[in-house]
Amino acid sequence: MANAVAPDLKAAMKACWSCKGPVKAGALFCATCKAVQPPAAVDHYQRLGVEMTFDVDVPALDRVYFDLQRQLH
């Protein structure tokens, strides 16, 4: 999940603030230089790639969250 992207933002591209390489809009990390990108205007469900429901799969959410946390730190 190194390049997590909100589903509705997959088509749009922007330039990485660090290397100026192409980055999908909504991506958390640049695929070229691995720099953390500024946050996109999406809700937490989209950012973490989970369905918007009250019945959240907590173990799956934990895996996604901790995977992103490892990449960030």
PDB file of N, CA and C in Angstrom:
ATOM      1  N   MET A   1       0.833  -1.192   0.000  1.00  0.00           N
ATOM      2  CA  MET A   1       0.000   0.000   0.000  1.00  0.00           C
ATOM      3  C   MET A   1       0.870   1.245   0.000  1.00  0.00           C
ATOM      4  N   ALA A   2       2.026   1.164  -0.563  1.00  0.00           N
ATOM      5  CA  ALA A   2       2.975   2.260  -0.552  1.00  0.00           C
ATOM      6  C   ALA A   2       2.441   3.494  -1.252  1.00  0.00           C
ATOM      7  N   ASN A   3       1.500   3.321  -2.141  1.00  0.00           N
ATOM      8  CA  ASN A   3       0.986   4.459  -2.868  1.00  0.00           C
ATOM      9  C   ASN A   3      -0.529   4.494  -2.750  1.00  0.00           C
ATOM     10  N   ALA A   4      -1.032   4.481  -1.539  1.00  0.00           N
ATOM     11  CA  ALA A   4      -2.460   4.468  -1.294  1.00  0.00           C
ATOM     12  C   ALA A   4      -3.122   5.687  -1.918  1.00  0.00           C
ATOM     13  N   VAL A   5      -4.251   5.456  -2.602  1.00  0.00           N
ATOM     14  CA  VAL A   5      -4.943   6.537  -3.293  1.00  0.00           C
ATOM     15  C   VAL A   5      -6.432   6.419  -3.036  1.00  0.00           C
ATOM     16  N   ALA A   6      -7.069   7.539  -2.773  1.00  0.00           N
ATOM     17  CA  ALA A   6      -8.515   7.558  -2.640  1.00  0.00           C
ATOM     18  C   ALA A   6      -9.127   7.153  -3.976  1.00  0.00           C
ATOM     19  N   PRO A   7     -10.132   6.262  -3.997  1.00  0.00           N
ATOM     20  CA  PRO A   7     -10.670   5.724  -5.239  1.00  0.00           C
ATOM     21  C   PRO A   7     -11.138   6.753  -6.247  1.00  0.00           C
ATOM     22  N   ASP A   8     -11.777   7.842  -5.813  1.00  0.00           N
ATOM     23  CA  ASP A   8     -12.306   8.823  -6.751  1.00  0.00           C
ATOM     24  C   ASP A   8     -11.241   9.793  -7.270  1.00  0.00           C
ATOM     25  N   LEU A   9     -10.003   9.658  -6.829  1.00  0.00           N
ATOM     26  CA  LEU A   9      -8.946  10.572  -7.257  1.00  0.00           C
ATOM     27  C   LEU A   9      -7.889   9.892  -8.124  1.00  0.00           C
ATOM     28  N   LYS A  10      -8.120   8.646  -8.562  1.00  0.00           N
ATOM     29  CA  LYS A  10      -7.098   7.878  -9.255  1.00  0.00           C
ATOM     30  C   LYS A  10      -6.668   8.496 -10.583  1.00  0.00           C
ATOM     31  N   ALA A  11      -7.568   9.153 -11.297  1.00  0.00           N
ATOM     32  CA  ALA A  11      -7.242   9.651 -12.628  1.00  0.00           C
ATOM     33  C   ALA A  11      -6.368  10.904 -12.596  1.00  0.00           C
ATOM     34  N   ALA A  12      -6.535  11.764 -11.618  1.00  0.00           N
ATOM     35  CA  ALA A  12      -5.822  13.039 -11.577  1.00  0.00           C
ATOM     36  C   ALA A  12      -4.368  12.832 -11.135  1.00  0.00           C
ATOM     37  N   MET A  13      -3.469  13.563 -11.768  1.00  0.00           N
ATOM     38  CA  MET A  13      -2.053  13.507 -11.421  1.00  0.00           C
ATOM     39  C   MET A  13      -1.596  14.897 -10.991  1.00  0.00           C
ATOM     40  N   LYS A  14      -0.555  14.926 -10.170  1.00  0.00           N
ATOM     41  CA  LYS A  14       0.054  16.178  -9.747  1.00  0.00           C
ATOM     42  C   LYS A  14       1.556  15.948  -9.638  1.00  0.00           C
ATOM     43  N   ALA A  15       2.300  16.995  -9.376  1.00  0.00           N
ATOM     44  CA  ALA A  15       3.753  16.877  -9.226  1.00  0.00           C
ATOM     45  C   ALA A  15       4.105  16.723  -7.748  1.00  0.00           C
ATOM     46  N   CYS A  16       5.067  15.857  -7.469  1.00  0.00           N
ATOM     47  CA  CYS A  16       5.568  15.690  -6.105  1.00  0.00           C
ATOM     48  C   CYS A  16       6.235  16.989  -5.677  1.00  0.00           C
ATOM     49  N   TRP A  17       6.000  17.383  -4.444  1.00  0.00           N
ATOM     50  CA  TRP A  17       6.603  18.622  -3.936  1.00  0.00           C
ATOM     51  C   TRP A  17       8.117  18.478  -3.812  1.00  0.00           C
ATOM     52  N   SER A  18       8.631  17.275  -3.676  1.00  0.00           N
ATOM     53  CA  SER A  18      10.053  17.057  -3.435  1.00  0.00           C
ATOM     54  C   SER A  18      10.847  16.835  -4.727  1.00  0.00           C
ATOM     55  N   CYS A  19      10.433  15.832  -5.516  1.00  0.00           N
ATOM     56  CA  CYS A  19      11.216  15.478  -6.708  1.00  0.00           C
ATOM     57  C   CYS A  19      10.583  15.957  -8.003  1.00  0.00           C
ATOM     58  N   LYS A  20       9.365  16.491  -7.929  1.00  0.00           N
ATOM     59  CA  LYS A  20       8.589  16.963  -9.088  1.00  0.00           C
ATOM     60  C   LYS A  20       8.147  15.833 -10.003  1.00  0.00           C
ATOM     61  N   GLY A  21       8.293  14.590  -9.546  1.00  0.00           N
ATOM     62  CA  GLY A  21       7.834  13.438 -10.319  1.00  0.00           C
ATOM     63  C   GLY A  21       6.318  13.337 -10.275  1.00  0.00           C
ATOM     64  N   PRO A  22       5.740  12.489 -11.132  1.00  0.00           N
ATOM     65  CA  PRO A  22       4.278  12.343 -11.162  1.00  0.00           C
ATOM     66  C   PRO A  22       3.772  11.592  -9.938  1.00  0.00           C
ATOM     67  N   VAL A  23       2.680  12.104  -9.367  1.00  0.00           N
ATOM     68  CA  VAL A  23       2.047  11.489  -8.206  1.00  0.00           C
ATOM     69  C   VAL A  23       0.544  11.515  -8.452  1.00  0.00           C
ATOM     70  N   LYS A  24      -0.108  10.392  -8.199  1.00  0.00           N
ATOM     71  CA  LYS A  24      -1.562  10.374  -8.311  1.00  0.00           C
ATOM     72  C   LYS A  24      -2.141  11.281  -7.235  1.00  0.00           C
ATOM     73  N   ALA A  25      -3.130  12.078  -7.602  1.00  0.00           N
ATOM     74  CA  ALA A  25      -3.791  12.949  -6.626  1.00  0.00           C
ATOM     75  C   ALA A  25      -4.377  12.078  -5.523  1.00  0.00           C
ATOM     76  N   GLY A  26      -4.129  12.425  -4.294  1.00  0.00           N
ATOM     77  CA  GLY A  26      -4.616  11.653  -3.167  1.00  0.00           C
ATOM     78  C   GLY A  26      -3.632  10.622  -2.659  1.00  0.00           C
ATOM     79  N   ALA A  27      -2.514  10.436  -3.370  1.00  0.00           N
ATOM     80  CA  ALA A  27      -1.503   9.473  -2.923  1.00  0.00           C
ATOM     81  C   ALA A  27      -0.867   9.972  -1.630  1.00  0.00           C
ATOM     82  N   LEU A  28      -0.553   9.045  -0.760  1.00  0.00           N
ATOM     83  CA  LEU A  28       0.083   9.417   0.496  1.00  0.00           C
ATOM     84  C   LEU A  28       1.590   9.576   0.345  1.00  0.00           C
ATOM     85  N   PHE A  29       2.177   8.848  -0.612  1.00  0.00           N
ATOM     86  CA  PHE A  29       3.621   8.868  -0.812  1.00  0.00           C
ATOM     87  C   PHE A  29       3.931   8.971  -2.303  1.00  0.00           C
ATOM     88  N   CYS A  30       5.039   9.605  -2.644  1.00  0.00           N
ATOM     89  CA  CYS A  30       5.516   9.675  -4.021  1.00  0.00           C
ATOM     90  C   CYS A  30       6.134   8.324  -4.367  1.00  0.00           C
ATOM     91  N   ALA A  31       5.744   7.741  -5.484  1.00  0.00           N
ATOM     92  CA  ALA A  31       6.285   6.445  -5.901  1.00  0.00           C
ATOM     93  C   ALA A  31       7.742   6.572  -6.328  1.00  0.00           C
ATOM     94  N   THR A  32       8.168   7.756  -6.750  1.00  0.00           N
ATOM     95  CA  THR A  32       9.532   7.957  -7.218  1.00  0.00           C
ATOM     96  C   THR A  32      10.517   8.158  -6.077  1.00  0.00           C
ATOM     97  N   CYS A  33      10.232   9.122  -5.187  1.00  0.00           N
ATOM     98  CA  CYS A  33      11.193   9.466  -4.132  1.00  0.00           C
ATOM     99  C   CYS A  33      10.728   9.062  -2.733  1.00  0.00           C
ATOM    100  N   LYS A  34       9.504   8.524  -2.619  1.00  0.00           N
ATOM    101  CA  LYS A  34       8.928   8.061  -1.341  1.00  0.00           C
ATOM    102  C   LYS A  34       8.618   9.184  -0.356  1.00  0.00           C
ATOM    103  N   ALA A  35       8.632  10.445  -0.802  1.00  0.00           N
ATOM    104  CA  ALA A  35       8.322  11.572   0.081  1.00  0.00           C
ATOM    105  C   ALA A  35       6.838  11.556   0.451  1.00  0.00           C
ATOM    106  N   VAL A  36       6.540  11.885   1.698  1.00  0.00           N
ATOM    107  CA  VAL A  36       5.157  12.017   2.157  1.00  0.00           C
ATOM    108  C   VAL A  36       4.553  13.223   1.454  1.00  0.00           C
ATOM    109  N   GLN A  37       3.350  13.048   0.918  1.00  0.00           N
ATOM    110  CA  GLN A  37       2.677  14.115   0.194  1.00  0.00           C
ATOM    111  C   GLN A  37       1.705  14.860   1.104  1.00  0.00           C
ATOM    112  N   PRO A  38       1.408  16.114   0.776  1.00  0.00           N
ATOM    113  CA  PRO A  38       0.416  16.857   1.569  1.00  0.00           C
ATOM    114  C   PRO A  38      -0.922  16.114   1.546  1.00  0.00           C
ATOM    115  N   PRO A  39      -1.694  16.213   2.611  1.00  0.00           N
ATOM    116  CA  PRO A  39      -2.964  15.482   2.659  1.00  0.00           C
ATOM    117  C   PRO A  39      -3.970  16.001   1.649  1.00  0.00           C
ATOM    118  N   ALA A  40      -4.701  15.075   1.050  1.00  0.00           N
ATOM    119  CA  ALA A  40      -5.779  15.429   0.123  1.00  0.00           C
ATOM    120  C   ALA A  40      -7.051  15.665   0.930  1.00  0.00           C
ATOM    121  N   ALA A  41      -7.989  16.350   0.330  1.00  0.00           N
ATOM    122  CA  ALA A  41      -9.258  16.630   0.995  1.00  0.00           C
ATOM    123  C   ALA A  41     -10.193  15.437   0.848  1.00  0.00           C
ATOM    124  N   VAL A  42      -9.925  14.374   1.618  1.00  0.00           N
ATOM    125  CA  VAL A  42     -10.774  13.181   1.622  1.00  0.00           C
ATOM    126  C   VAL A  42     -11.082  12.813   3.072  1.00  0.00           C
ATOM    127  N   ASP A  43     -12.162  12.043   3.242  1.00  0.00           N
ATOM    128  CA  ASP A  43     -12.496  11.628   4.603  1.00  0.00           C
ATOM    129  C   ASP A  43     -11.615  10.446   5.022  1.00  0.00           C
ATOM    130  N   HIS A  44     -11.685  10.098   6.280  1.00  0.00           N
ATOM    131  CA  HIS A  44     -10.823   9.043   6.822  1.00  0.00           C
ATOM    132  C   HIS A  44     -11.126   7.676   6.208  1.00  0.00           C
ATOM    133  N   TYR A  45     -12.383   7.433   5.855  1.00  0.00           N
ATOM    134  CA  TYR A  45     -12.734   6.166   5.225  1.00  0.00           C
ATOM    135  C   TYR A  45     -11.996   6.018   3.891  1.00  0.00           C
ATOM    136  N   GLN A  46     -12.026   7.077   3.069  1.00  0.00           N
ATOM    137  CA  GLN A  46     -11.334   7.035   1.784  1.00  0.00           C
ATOM    138  C   GLN A  46      -9.829   6.949   1.983  1.00  0.00           C
ATOM    139  N   ARG A  47      -9.303   7.721   2.894  1.00  0.00           N
ATOM    140  CA  ARG A  47      -7.857   7.731   3.129  1.00  0.00           C
ATOM    141  C   ARG A  47      -7.342   6.349   3.517  1.00  0.00           C
ATOM    142  N   LEU A  48      -8.133   5.623   4.318  1.00  0.00           N
ATOM    143  CA  LEU A  48      -7.712   4.299   4.765  1.00  0.00           C
ATOM    144  C   LEU A  48      -8.253   3.179   3.879  1.00  0.00           C
ATOM    145  N   GLY A  49      -9.079   3.523   2.880  1.00  0.00           N
ATOM    146  CA  GLY A  49      -9.575   2.531   1.942  1.00  0.00           C
ATOM    147  C   GLY A  49     -10.590   1.562   2.525  1.00  0.00           C
ATOM    148  N   VAL A  50     -11.424   2.040   3.438  1.00  0.00           N
ATOM    149  CA  VAL A  50     -12.457   1.178   4.015  1.00  0.00           C
ATOM    150  C   VAL A  50     -13.835   1.698   3.627  1.00  0.00           C
ATOM    151  N   GLU A  51     -14.801   0.780   3.606  1.00  0.00           N
ATOM    152  CA  GLU A  51     -16.170   1.132   3.266  1.00  0.00           C
ATOM    153  C   GLU A  51     -16.782   1.994   4.371  1.00  0.00           C
ATOM    154  N   MET A  52     -17.574   2.990   3.971  1.00  0.00           N
ATOM    155  CA  MET A  52     -18.208   3.875   4.938  1.00  0.00           C
ATOM    156  C   MET A  52     -19.417   3.169   5.541  1.00  0.00           C
ATOM    157  N   THR A  53     -19.194   2.563   6.699  1.00  0.00           N
ATOM    158  CA  THR A  53     -20.229   1.807   7.383  1.00  0.00           C
ATOM    159  C   THR A  53     -19.912   1.789   8.875  1.00  0.00           C
ATOM    160  N   PHE A  54     -20.916   1.476   9.681  1.00  0.00           N
ATOM    161  CA  PHE A  54     -20.681   1.346  11.118  1.00  0.00           C
ATOM    162  C   PHE A  54     -20.063  -0.011  11.450  1.00  0.00           C
ATOM    163  N   ASP A  55     -20.191  -0.967  10.535  1.00  0.00           N
ATOM    164  CA  ASP A  55     -19.674  -2.317  10.743  1.00  0.00           C
ATOM    165  C   ASP A  55     -18.279  -2.435  10.115  1.00  0.00           C
ATOM    166  N   VAL A  56     -17.312  -1.764  10.733  1.00  0.00           N
ATOM    167  CA  VAL A  56     -15.942  -1.736  10.217  1.00  0.00           C
ATOM    168  C   VAL A  56     -15.201  -2.990  10.655  1.00  0.00           C
ATOM    169  N   ASP A  57     -14.461  -3.592   9.726  1.00  0.00           N
ATOM    170  CA  ASP A  57     -13.622  -4.751  10.034  1.00  0.00           C
ATOM    171  C   ASP A  57     -12.393  -4.236  10.778  1.00  0.00           C
ATOM    172  N   VAL A  58     -12.443  -4.266  12.101  1.00  0.00           N
ATOM    173  CA  VAL A  58     -11.400  -3.665  12.940  1.00  0.00           C
ATOM    174  C   VAL A  58     -10.025  -4.296  12.717  1.00  0.00           C
ATOM    175  N   PRO A  59      -9.896  -5.614  12.639  1.00  0.00           N
ATOM    176  CA  PRO A  59      -8.567  -6.182  12.371  1.00  0.00           C
ATOM    177  C   PRO A  59      -7.981  -5.720  11.026  1.00  0.00           C
ATOM    178  N   ALA A  60      -8.825  -5.626   9.995  1.00  0.00           N
ATOM    179  CA  ALA A  60      -8.347  -5.144   8.692  1.00  0.00           C
ATOM    180  C   ALA A  60      -7.960  -3.672   8.780  1.00  0.00           C
ATOM    181  N   LEU A  61      -8.761  -2.882   9.483  1.00  0.00           N
ATOM    182  CA  LEU A  61      -8.447  -1.467   9.667  1.00  0.00           C
ATOM    183  C   LEU A  61      -7.125  -1.302  10.418  1.00  0.00           C
ATOM    184  N   ASP A  62      -6.918  -2.114  11.446  1.00  0.00           N
ATOM    185  CA  ASP A  62      -5.646  -2.081  12.182  1.00  0.00           C
ATOM    186  C   ASP A  62      -4.463  -2.371  11.260  1.00  0.00           C
ATOM    187  N   ARG A  63      -4.602  -3.371  10.390  1.00  0.00           N
ATOM    188  CA  ARG A  63      -3.508  -3.718   9.463  1.00  0.00           C
ATOM    189  C   ARG A  63      -3.187  -2.553   8.532  1.00  0.00           C
ATOM    190  N   VAL A  64      -4.221  -1.929   7.961  1.00  0.00           N
ATOM    191  CA  VAL A  64      -4.014  -0.797   7.050  1.00  0.00           C
ATOM    192  C   VAL A  64      -3.364   0.366   7.797  1.00  0.00           C
ATOM    193  N   TYR A  65      -3.900   0.686   8.964  1.00  0.00           N
ATOM    194  CA  TYR A  65      -3.384   1.808   9.747  1.00  0.00           C
ATOM    195  C   TYR A  65      -1.917   1.600  10.125  1.00  0.00           C
ATOM    196  N   PHE A  66      -1.591   0.422  10.654  1.00  0.00           N
ATOM    197  CA  PHE A  66      -0.220   0.178  11.091  1.00  0.00           C
ATOM    198  C   PHE A  66       0.743   0.050   9.915  1.00  0.00           C
ATOM    199  N   ASP A  67       0.255  -0.426   8.762  1.00  0.00           N
ATOM    200  CA  ASP A  67       1.100  -0.455   7.567  1.00  0.00           C
ATOM    201  C   ASP A  67       1.455   0.971   7.143  1.00  0.00           C
ATOM    202  N   LEU A  68       0.460   1.855   7.136  1.00  0.00           N
ATOM    203  CA  LEU A  68       0.732   3.255   6.788  1.00  0.00           C
ATOM    204  C   LEU A  68       1.637   3.914   7.842  1.00  0.00           C
ATOM    205  N   GLN A  69       1.404   3.584   9.094  1.00  0.00           N
ATOM    206  CA  GLN A  69       2.229   4.154  10.167  1.00  0.00           C
ATOM    207  C   GLN A  69       3.698   3.733  10.001  1.00  0.00           C
ATOM    208  N   ARG A  70       3.941   2.459   9.659  1.00  0.00           N
ATOM    209  CA  ARG A  70       5.318   1.987   9.439  1.00  0.00           C
ATOM    210  C   ARG A  70       5.986   2.732   8.286  1.00  0.00           C
ATOM    211  N   GLN A  71       5.229   2.989   7.229  1.00  0.00           N
ATOM    212  CA  GLN A  71       5.773   3.713   6.077  1.00  0.00           C
ATOM    213  C   GLN A  71       6.111   5.165   6.448  1.00  0.00           C
ATOM    214  N   LEU A  72       5.297   5.753   7.283  1.00  0.00           N
ATOM    215  CA  LEU A  72       5.501   7.150   7.663  1.00  0.00           C
ATOM    216  C   LEU A  72       6.641   7.342   8.641  1.00  0.00           C
ATOM    217  N   HIS A  73       6.790   6.411   9.569  1.00  0.00           N
ATOM    218  CA  HIS A  73       7.812   6.559  10.596  1.00  0.00           C
ATOM    219  C   HIS A  73       8.971   5.670  10.246  1.00  0.00           C
TER     220      HIS A  73
END
